[in-house]
Amino acid sequence: MAAEKWVYMVTAQTPTNIAVIKYWGKRDEVRILPVNDSISVTLDPDHLCTVTTVAVSPSFDRDRMWLNGKEISLSGSRYQNCLREIRSRGGDVEDKEKGVKIEKKDWERLNLHIASHNNFPTAAGLASSAAGFACLVFSLAKLMNVEEDPSQLSAIARQGSGSACRSLFGGFVKWKMGSKDDGSDSVAVQLADEKHWDDLVIIIAVVSSRQKETSSTSGMRESVETSLLLQHRAKKVVPKRIVQMEEAIKNRDFASFTQLSCTDSNQFHAVCLDTSPPIFYMNDTSHRIISLVEKWNRSEGTPQVAYTFDAGPNAVLIARNRKVAVQLLQGLLYYFPPKSDTDMKSYVVGDNSILKEAGLDGENSVENLQPPPEIRDNIGTQDQKGEVSYFICTRPGRGPVVLPDQTQALLDPETGLPK
């Protein structure tokens, strides 16, 4: 290894994902092995992602990490497990231009600097830990010249956050629970890429971006210990749903996809209520959004929108196509308008070109919206200002990528410290 005080860096971008067949409950807390399979949709990283820069240098005196600009401890077992696993797989790295030569054995004693940034709220039920740990493992694998495929890497990311394993692929992803005690067969596999069903448009209603009262980790543990419904769900219900959901995705069968997504989301939250003490992730606004979607789907006679909620109050709404998404956004903005001093482009973020299609890019456009005609009875009036923080419009997206542009790095290439 050369003696110069070089800094060698890699920056990567990794998407988040939303489960449509939920993961809730572990059979092994340490290795993070689930009690059932799960299936997710990867969201477009242009709109929801984690960017992570990892750096190595002989001048670093210890491993350090910064999350969203603030230094955090790496002493937790989840970080340590991921770092240990990835270091043990490191390969030889050479960059003659920078005078970098690292041998496989050096990774055990070289220290790392890690900087990570989410472009969405952390710990608010938008799977920030999934994108974060997936990005950590993916970027370190690139830095260390690890030659394992995404499924093998997913088994490492899983040890940081269970759902992180699904963020190592784009499109539609299945996390196989596996049966081995060591977790070697508990890995993610891609069911279909993001182009397979590109009609879908996803609108997320961020009902609250605050940190949730009950973390997913403690909530799962309590559900496993106290909920009989969880045991029934894992053994009897989910195995059949997984097969049905795989078929629905393969055939682009939106009616089946909707029925399975909504039912599974509702059962997951029923498990939370069946836990002792009960866990409440959804709130009144979440319930109003469900009511709006259910009434619209029934009035149309065929499902137009699927909904799913993770461990938080935020609604993830999947529209069957762009035209439906425009109508959905109009209905959502009628019932949940922005506060009067809010700029529309900060209230609908992500792919906000949809605002123009919805006729909502001009002055007073929200005030001119009519109530959705198909929803006859009242689900609430136009006085729900402030109940939704903002909306994100997105779509199924690709998996992780390296960002070669040095200007996107979060660490200084000379010092290896945050910019």
Protein backbone atom coordinates (compact mmCIF):
# COMPACT_ATOMS: atom_id res chain seq x y z
CA MET A 1 0.00 0.00 0.00
CA ALA A 2 1.45 3.37 -0.99
CA ALA A 3 2.45 5.72 1.85
CA GLU A 4 1.00 8.90 0.34
CA LYS A 5 -1.93 10.58 2.08
CA TRP A 6 -4.38 9.90 -0.69
CA VAL A 7 -8.20 9.80 -0.36
CA TYR A 8 -10.04 7.29 -2.54
CA MET A 9 -13.82 7.81 -2.87
CA VAL A 10 -16.99 6.45 -4.47
CA THR A 11 -20.41 8.12 -4.52
CA ALA A 12 -23.62 6.19 -5.19
CA GLN A 13 -27.35 6.81 -5.34
CA THR A 14 -29.87 4.25 -4.13
CA PRO A 15 -33.68 4.31 -4.29
CA THR A 16 -36.17 3.63 -1.56
CA ASN A 17 -38.94 1.07 -1.94
CA ILE A 18 -42.50 0.57 -0.78
CA ALA A 19 -43.75 -2.90 0.12
CA VAL A 20 -47.03 -4.02 -1.42
CA ILE A 21 -46.88 -7.34 0.46
CA LYS A 22 -45.55 -6.31 3.85
CA TYR A 23 -42.58 -7.42 5.92
CA TRP A 24 -43.54 -7.27 9.60
CA GLY A 25 -41.85 -9.48 12.16
CA LYS A 26 -38.50 -11.24 12.47
CA ARG A 27 -37.69 -14.87 13.26
CA ASP A 28 -34.11 -13.82 14.08
CA GLU A 29 -33.54 -10.33 15.53
CA VAL A 30 -29.76 -10.34 15.10
CA ARG A 31 -29.52 -11.51 11.49
CA ILE A 32 -32.79 -9.74 10.60
CA LEU A 33 -34.58 -12.75 9.14
CA PRO A 34 -38.29 -12.21 8.44
CA VAL A 35 -41.30 -14.37 9.31
CA ASN A 36 -42.62 -14.10 5.74
CA ASP A 37 -41.67 -13.19 2.16
CA SER A 38 -42.41 -9.65 0.98
CA ILE A 39 -42.75 -7.83 -2.36
CA SER A 40 -42.02 -4.17 -3.08
CA VAL A 41 -41.97 -1.51 -5.77
CA THR A 42 -38.74 0.49 -6.11
CA LEU A 43 -39.45 4.23 -6.38
CA ASP A 44 -37.75 6.50 -8.90
CA PRO A 45 -34.50 7.71 -7.29
CA ASP A 46 -34.86 11.05 -9.09
CA HIS A 47 -37.60 11.76 -6.54
CA LEU A 48 -36.76 9.62 -3.47
CA CYS A 49 -33.23 8.43 -2.83
CA THR A 50 -30.19 8.29 -0.61
CA VAL A 51 -26.84 9.55 -1.89
CA THR A 52 -23.80 8.17 -0.06
CA THR A 53 -20.12 8.96 -0.47
CA VAL A 54 -17.64 6.48 1.02
CA ALA A 55 -13.95 7.25 1.32
CA VAL A 56 -10.85 5.39 2.45
CA SER A 57 -7.47 6.84 3.35
CA PRO A 58 -4.43 5.78 5.40
CA SER A 59 -4.76 9.19 7.12
CA PHE A 60 -8.19 8.37 8.66
CA ASP A 61 -7.81 7.43 12.33
CA ARG A 62 -11.23 5.80 12.80
CA ASP A 63 -14.46 4.96 10.97
CA ARG A 64 -16.78 7.99 10.91
CA MET A 65 -20.23 8.69 9.43
CA TRP A 66 -22.34 11.79 8.79
CA LEU A 67 -26.09 11.51 8.08
CA ASN A 68 -27.76 14.59 6.57
CA GLY A 69 -24.78 16.69 7.69
CA LYS A 70 -24.71 15.52 11.31
CA GLU A 71 -22.11 13.07 12.64
CA ILE A 72 -23.63 9.86 14.00
CA SER A 73 -22.20 6.89 15.87
CA LEU A 74 -21.24 3.73 13.98
CA SER A 75 -21.10 1.67 17.18
CA GLY A 76 -24.56 0.07 16.70
CA SER A 77 -24.63 -3.63 15.81
CA ARG A 78 -26.41 -3.01 12.48
CA TYR A 79 -23.67 -0.72 11.16
CA GLN A 80 -20.96 -2.96 12.57
CA ASN A 81 -22.47 -6.08 10.97
CA CYS A 82 -22.63 -4.42 7.54
CA LEU A 83 -19.09 -3.04 7.80
CA ARG A 84 -17.67 -6.38 8.97
CA GLU A 85 -19.40 -8.36 6.23
CA ILE A 86 -18.41 -6.01 3.41
CA ARG A 87 -14.78 -5.65 4.62
CA SER A 88 -14.38 -9.42 4.64
CA ARG A 89 -15.30 -9.49 0.93
CA GLY A 90 -13.08 -6.57 -0.17
CA GLY A 91 -10.81 -7.10 -3.15
CA ASP A 92 -7.64 -5.53 -4.53
CA VAL A 93 -7.96 -1.90 -5.65
CA GLU A 94 -5.45 0.10 -7.67
CA ASP A 95 -5.62 3.65 -9.03
CA LYS A 96 -2.21 4.51 -10.48
CA GLU A 97 -3.17 8.11 -11.18
CA LYS A 98 -3.82 8.74 -7.48
CA GLY A 99 -1.08 6.42 -6.26
CA VAL A 100 -3.65 4.15 -4.62
CA LYS A 101 -2.85 0.49 -4.13
CA ILE A 102 -4.97 -1.47 -1.66
CA GLU A 103 -4.65 -5.20 -1.16
CA LYS A 104 -7.48 -7.41 0.04
CA LYS A 105 -5.93 -7.83 3.50
CA ASP A 106 -5.67 -4.02 3.98
CA TRP A 107 -9.44 -3.47 4.30
CA GLU A 108 -9.46 -4.82 7.85
CA ARG A 109 -7.18 -2.03 9.09
CA LEU A 110 -8.04 0.91 6.80
CA ASN A 111 -10.60 3.34 8.21
CA LEU A 112 -13.60 4.69 6.33
CA HIS A 113 -15.47 7.99 6.14
CA ILE A 114 -19.13 7.79 5.12
CA ALA A 115 -21.48 10.67 4.34
CA SER A 116 -25.11 10.02 3.52
CA HIS A 117 -28.00 12.29 2.57
CA ASN A 118 -31.70 11.45 2.13
CA ASN A 119 -33.77 13.75 -0.07
CA PHE A 120 -36.84 12.89 2.03
CA PRO A 121 -37.65 12.76 5.79
CA THR A 122 -35.77 10.21 7.91
CA ALA A 123 -37.76 7.77 10.11
CA ALA A 124 -41.17 9.10 9.03
CA GLY A 125 -42.43 5.92 7.36
CA LEU A 126 -40.85 6.50 3.93
CA ALA A 127 -38.27 3.68 4.21
CA SER A 128 -35.28 5.97 4.73
CA SER A 129 -33.35 3.21 6.51
CA ALA A 130 -33.95 0.89 3.53
CA ALA A 131 -32.40 3.31 1.05
CA GLY A 132 -29.69 4.27 3.56
CA PHE A 133 -28.33 0.80 4.33
CA ALA A 134 -28.69 -0.32 0.70
CA CYS A 135 -26.66 2.69 -0.38
CA LEU A 136 -24.05 2.07 2.32
CA VAL A 137 -23.51 -1.52 1.20
CA PHE A 138 -23.66 -0.78 -2.54
CA SER A 139 -21.18 2.14 -2.35
CA LEU A 140 -18.75 0.21 -0.11
CA ALA A 141 -18.93 -2.77 -2.47
CA LYS A 142 -17.90 -0.49 -5.33
CA LEU A 143 -15.16 1.18 -3.25
CA MET A 144 -13.73 -2.18 -2.15
CA ASN A 145 -14.09 -3.94 -5.52
CA VAL A 146 -16.43 -6.56 -4.08
CA GLU A 147 -17.45 -8.92 -6.86
CA GLU A 148 -20.76 -10.20 -5.48
CA ASP A 149 -24.06 -9.81 -7.35
CA PRO A 150 -26.94 -7.65 -6.03
CA SER A 151 -28.71 -10.65 -4.44
CA GLN A 152 -25.58 -11.56 -2.48
CA LEU A 153 -25.11 -7.91 -1.47
CA SER A 154 -28.77 -7.82 -0.41
CA ALA A 155 -27.98 -10.39 2.30
CA ILE A 156 -25.51 -7.88 3.78
CA ALA A 157 -27.83 -4.85 3.45
CA ARG A 158 -30.55 -6.91 5.16
CA GLN A 159 -28.42 -6.98 8.31
CA GLY A 160 -28.64 -3.19 8.50
CA SER A 161 -32.35 -2.85 7.76
CA GLY A 162 -34.55 -5.70 6.55
CA SER A 163 -36.24 -3.82 3.73
CA ALA A 164 -32.85 -2.46 2.56
CA CYS A 165 -32.26 -5.73 0.72
CA ARG A 166 -35.10 -4.83 -1.68
CA SER A 167 -33.51 -1.46 -2.60
CA LEU A 168 -30.60 -3.18 -4.38
CA PHE A 169 -32.87 -3.72 -7.41
CA GLY A 170 -35.14 -1.53 -9.50
CA GLY A 171 -38.72 -2.32 -10.50
CA PHE A 172 -40.56 -5.05 -8.58
CA VAL A 173 -38.62 -6.99 -5.97
CA LYS A 174 -39.22 -10.03 -3.77
CA TRP A 175 -37.43 -10.61 -0.48
CA LYS A 176 -37.32 -14.35 0.07
CA MET A 177 -37.54 -15.11 3.78
CA GLY A 178 -35.30 -18.18 3.43
CA SER A 179 -35.15 -21.12 5.80
CA LYS A 180 -31.48 -21.43 6.79
CA ASP A 181 -30.46 -20.38 10.29
CA ASP A 182 -27.47 -18.39 9.01
CA GLY A 183 -29.70 -16.30 6.71
CA SER A 184 -27.65 -17.06 3.59
CA ASP A 185 -30.83 -17.78 1.59
CA SER A 186 -32.75 -14.73 2.87
CA VAL A 187 -32.07 -12.53 -0.16
CA ALA A 188 -33.80 -10.19 -2.58
CA VAL A 189 -34.51 -11.05 -6.23
CA GLN A 190 -35.93 -8.88 -9.00
CA LEU A 191 -39.35 -9.98 -10.30
CA ALA A 192 -39.52 -7.41 -13.11
CA ASP A 193 -37.63 -4.23 -13.99
CA GLU A 194 -39.03 -0.69 -13.86
CA LYS A 195 -39.95 -0.69 -17.56
CA HIS A 196 -42.15 -3.79 -17.21
CA TRP A 197 -45.17 -1.80 -15.95
CA ASP A 198 -44.37 1.80 -16.73
CA ASP A 199 -48.01 2.96 -16.92
CA LEU A 200 -48.09 3.17 -13.13
CA VAL A 201 -47.88 6.55 -11.42
CA ILE A 202 -47.29 6.81 -7.67
CA ILE A 203 -48.46 9.70 -5.49
CA ILE A 204 -47.32 9.81 -1.88
CA ALA A 205 -49.26 11.92 0.59
CA VAL A 206 -46.77 12.90 3.29
CA VAL A 207 -49.23 13.20 6.15
CA SER A 208 -46.51 13.68 8.71
CA SER A 209 -42.77 13.97 8.29
CA ARG A 210 -42.17 13.71 12.02
CA GLN A 211 -40.38 10.75 13.50
CA LYS A 212 -42.87 8.05 14.48
CA GLU A 213 -43.64 7.24 18.13
CA THR A 214 -43.06 3.48 17.79
CA SER A 215 -40.06 2.50 15.67
CA SER A 216 -40.47 -0.37 13.22
CA THR A 217 -37.89 -2.41 15.14
CA SER A 218 -39.68 -2.25 18.50
CA GLY A 219 -43.11 -2.48 16.87
CA MET A 220 -42.20 -5.71 15.08
CA ARG A 221 -40.76 -7.23 18.23
CA GLU A 222 -43.94 -6.47 20.18
CA SER A 223 -46.15 -7.84 17.37
CA VAL A 224 -44.17 -11.11 17.18
CA GLU A 225 -44.46 -11.52 20.95
CA THR A 226 -48.14 -10.64 21.37
CA SER A 227 -50.15 -10.80 18.11
CA LEU A 228 -51.90 -14.05 17.22
CA LEU A 229 -53.00 -12.43 13.97
CA LEU A 230 -49.34 -11.99 12.96
CA GLN A 231 -48.72 -15.73 13.34
CA HIS A 232 -51.81 -16.57 11.26
CA ARG A 233 -50.85 -13.98 8.63
CA ALA A 234 -47.26 -15.25 8.28
CA LYS A 235 -48.16 -18.93 8.09
CA LYS A 236 -51.50 -19.00 6.25
CA VAL A 237 -52.17 -15.71 4.46
CA VAL A 238 -48.95 -14.26 3.05
CA PRO A 239 -47.66 -17.39 1.22
CA LYS A 240 -50.79 -17.39 -0.98
CA ARG A 241 -50.70 -13.61 -1.47
CA ILE A 242 -47.07 -13.73 -2.60
CA VAL A 243 -47.95 -16.17 -5.40
CA GLN A 244 -50.99 -14.06 -6.40
CA MET A 245 -48.99 -10.80 -6.35
CA GLU A 246 -46.21 -12.29 -8.49
CA GLU A 247 -48.87 -13.28 -11.05
CA ALA A 248 -50.52 -9.85 -10.92
CA ILE A 249 -47.19 -8.11 -11.57
CA LYS A 250 -46.21 -10.54 -14.34
CA ASN A 251 -49.58 -10.03 -16.10
CA ARG A 252 -49.88 -6.30 -15.26
CA ASP A 253 -53.24 -7.17 -13.73
CA PHE A 254 -54.11 -3.92 -11.94
CA ALA A 255 -57.39 -5.16 -10.41
CA SER A 256 -55.61 -8.03 -8.62
CA PHE A 257 -52.63 -5.82 -7.77
CA THR A 258 -54.95 -3.30 -6.11
CA GLN A 259 -56.98 -5.84 -4.19
CA LEU A 260 -53.84 -7.52 -2.84
CA SER A 261 -52.00 -4.26 -2.01
CA CYS A 262 -54.91 -2.68 -0.16
CA THR A 263 -55.88 -5.86 1.70
CA ASP A 264 -52.33 -6.56 2.76
CA SER A 265 -51.76 -2.99 3.95
CA ASN A 266 -54.97 -3.12 5.99
CA GLN A 267 -54.02 -6.47 7.49
CA PHE A 268 -50.59 -5.20 8.46
CA HIS A 269 -52.20 -2.31 10.34
CA ALA A 270 -54.68 -4.75 11.88
CA VAL A 271 -51.68 -6.72 13.20
CA CYS A 272 -50.40 -3.46 14.72
CA LEU A 273 -53.77 -2.98 16.46
CA ASP A 274 -53.70 -6.64 17.56
CA THR A 275 -50.34 -6.01 19.25
CA SER A 276 -50.19 -5.41 23.00
CA PRO A 277 -50.01 -2.52 23.65
CA PRO A 278 -51.63 -1.56 20.32
CA ILE A 279 -49.61 0.40 17.79
CA PHE A 280 -51.23 3.24 15.84
CA TYR A 281 -49.30 4.21 12.72
CA MET A 282 -52.18 5.65 10.70
CA ASN A 283 -54.20 8.70 11.75
CA ASP A 284 -57.52 10.33 10.79
CA THR A 285 -56.05 11.82 7.62
CA SER A 286 -54.76 8.38 6.57
CA HIS A 287 -58.26 6.97 7.09
CA ARG A 288 -59.85 9.78 5.07
CA ILE A 289 -57.50 9.06 2.15
CA ILE A 290 -58.44 5.35 2.27
CA SER A 291 -62.12 6.33 2.23
CA LEU A 292 -61.62 8.59 -0.79
CA VAL A 293 -59.83 5.84 -2.76
CA GLU A 294 -62.27 3.08 -1.78
CA LYS A 295 -65.29 5.16 -2.81
CA TRP A 296 -63.70 6.15 -6.11
CA ASN A 297 -62.76 2.56 -6.95
CA ARG A 298 -66.27 1.33 -6.15
CA SER A 299 -67.93 4.06 -8.18
CA GLU A 300 -65.79 3.21 -11.23
CA GLY A 301 -66.60 -0.49 -10.93
CA THR A 302 -62.96 -1.37 -11.58
CA PRO A 303 -59.97 -0.36 -9.43
CA GLN A 304 -58.27 2.88 -10.46
CA VAL A 305 -55.95 3.40 -7.49
CA ALA A 306 -54.20 1.07 -5.03
CA TYR A 307 -53.14 2.29 -1.59
CA THR A 308 -50.57 1.03 0.84
CA PHE A 309 -49.25 2.41 4.14
CA ASP A 310 -45.98 1.40 5.78
CA ALA A 311 -45.22 1.99 9.47
CA GLY A 312 -46.44 5.58 9.45
CA PRO A 313 -49.44 7.70 8.38
CA ASN A 314 -48.18 8.50 4.86
CA ALA A 315 -50.32 7.19 2.01
CA VAL A 316 -48.65 5.62 -1.03
CA LEU A 317 -51.21 5.72 -3.83
CA ILE A 318 -50.55 3.81 -7.05
CA ALA A 319 -52.61 4.97 -10.03
CA ARG A 320 -53.16 2.63 -12.96
CA ASN A 321 -52.04 5.27 -15.49
CA ARG A 322 -51.21 8.95 -15.93
CA LYS A 323 -54.79 10.03 -16.67
CA VAL A 324 -56.01 8.43 -13.43
CA ALA A 325 -53.10 10.02 -11.54
CA VAL A 326 -54.17 13.47 -12.75
CA GLN A 327 -57.73 12.88 -11.51
CA LEU A 328 -56.39 11.47 -8.24
CA LEU A 329 -54.23 14.54 -7.63
CA GLN A 330 -57.19 16.84 -8.34
CA GLY A 331 -59.31 14.93 -5.79
CA LEU A 332 -56.53 14.95 -3.20
CA LEU A 333 -55.94 18.68 -3.60
CA TYR A 334 -59.69 19.36 -3.35
CA TYR A 335 -59.90 17.58 0.01
CA PHE A 336 -56.40 18.45 1.27
CA PRO A 337 -55.53 21.87 -0.17
CA PRO A 338 -52.28 23.63 0.72
CA LYS A 339 -52.21 26.43 3.25
CA SER A 340 -52.88 29.77 1.57
CA ASP A 341 -49.23 30.90 1.70
CA THR A 342 -47.87 27.64 0.21
CA ASP A 343 -46.31 27.59 -3.26
CA MET A 344 -47.84 24.78 -5.30
CA LYS A 345 -44.44 23.59 -6.55
CA SER A 346 -43.34 22.97 -2.97
CA TYR A 347 -46.66 21.25 -2.16
CA VAL A 348 -46.45 18.80 -5.08
CA VAL A 349 -42.82 17.72 -5.52
CA GLY A 350 -41.01 15.04 -7.52
CA ASP A 351 -42.47 14.90 -11.03
CA ASN A 352 -44.47 18.11 -10.70
CA SER A 353 -45.11 18.30 -14.46
CA ILE A 354 -48.37 16.61 -13.45
CA LEU A 355 -49.55 19.98 -12.09
CA LYS A 356 -49.86 21.40 -15.60
CA GLU A 357 -51.81 18.36 -16.80
CA ALA A 358 -54.14 18.76 -13.83
CA GLY A 359 -54.65 22.48 -14.62
CA LEU A 360 -53.06 23.38 -11.30
CA ASP A 361 -50.12 25.50 -12.37
CA GLY A 362 -51.93 28.86 -12.37
CA GLU A 363 -53.22 31.33 -9.78
CA ASN A 364 -56.13 30.20 -7.57
CA SER A 365 -56.25 26.88 -9.39
CA VAL A 366 -56.94 24.83 -6.23
CA GLU A 367 -59.83 27.08 -5.19
CA ASN A 368 -61.43 26.40 -8.58
CA LEU A 369 -61.39 22.61 -8.18
CA GLN A 370 -64.77 20.89 -8.12
CA PRO A 371 -65.52 18.00 -5.75
CA PRO A 372 -64.90 14.66 -7.48
CA PRO A 373 -68.32 13.80 -9.00
CA GLU A 374 -68.00 10.09 -8.35
CA ILE A 375 -67.76 10.58 -4.59
CA ARG A 376 -71.34 11.37 -3.62
CA ASP A 377 -71.18 11.27 0.14
CA ASN A 378 -69.01 13.41 2.31
CA ILE A 379 -65.53 12.30 3.30
CA GLY A 380 -64.65 15.70 4.66
CA THR A 381 -64.84 19.21 3.33
CA GLN A 382 -62.26 21.58 1.95
CA ASP A 383 -61.18 22.67 5.43
CA GLN A 384 -58.45 20.05 5.80
CA LYS A 385 -55.64 22.55 5.15
CA GLY A 386 -52.36 21.49 6.66
CA GLU A 387 -53.35 17.85 7.18
CA VAL A 388 -51.03 16.80 4.35
CA SER A 389 -47.53 18.31 4.53
CA TYR A 390 -46.92 17.79 0.81
CA PHE A 391 -47.34 15.30 -2.05
CA ILE A 392 -44.62 13.47 -3.98
CA CYS A 393 -45.39 12.35 -7.53
CA THR A 394 -43.16 9.51 -8.71
CA ARG A 395 -43.13 6.16 -10.53
CA PRO A 396 -41.41 2.75 -10.41
CA GLY A 397 -37.67 3.32 -10.76
CA ARG A 398 -34.24 1.80 -11.27
CA GLY A 399 -31.84 0.29 -8.77
CA PRO A 400 -28.59 1.75 -7.36
CA VAL A 401 -25.99 3.48 -9.53
CA VAL A 402 -22.54 4.98 -9.05
CA LEU A 403 -22.47 8.77 -9.56
CA PRO A 404 -19.19 9.51 -11.41
CA ASP A 405 -19.59 13.30 -11.21
CA GLN A 406 -17.28 14.44 -8.38
CA THR A 407 -19.42 17.53 -7.77
CA GLN A 408 -22.13 15.21 -6.40
CA ALA A 409 -19.78 13.76 -3.78
CA LEU A 410 -20.62 14.59 -0.16
CA LEU A 411 -17.00 14.39 1.04
CA ASP A 412 -14.09 16.63 0.10
CA PRO A 413 -11.70 14.70 -2.22
CA GLU A 414 -8.65 16.23 -0.48
CA THR A 415 -9.60 15.80 3.19
CA GLY A 416 -12.31 13.11 3.15
CA LEU A 417 -14.42 15.33 5.42
CA PRO A 418 -17.95 16.62 4.65
CA LYS A 419 -18.04 19.47 2.16
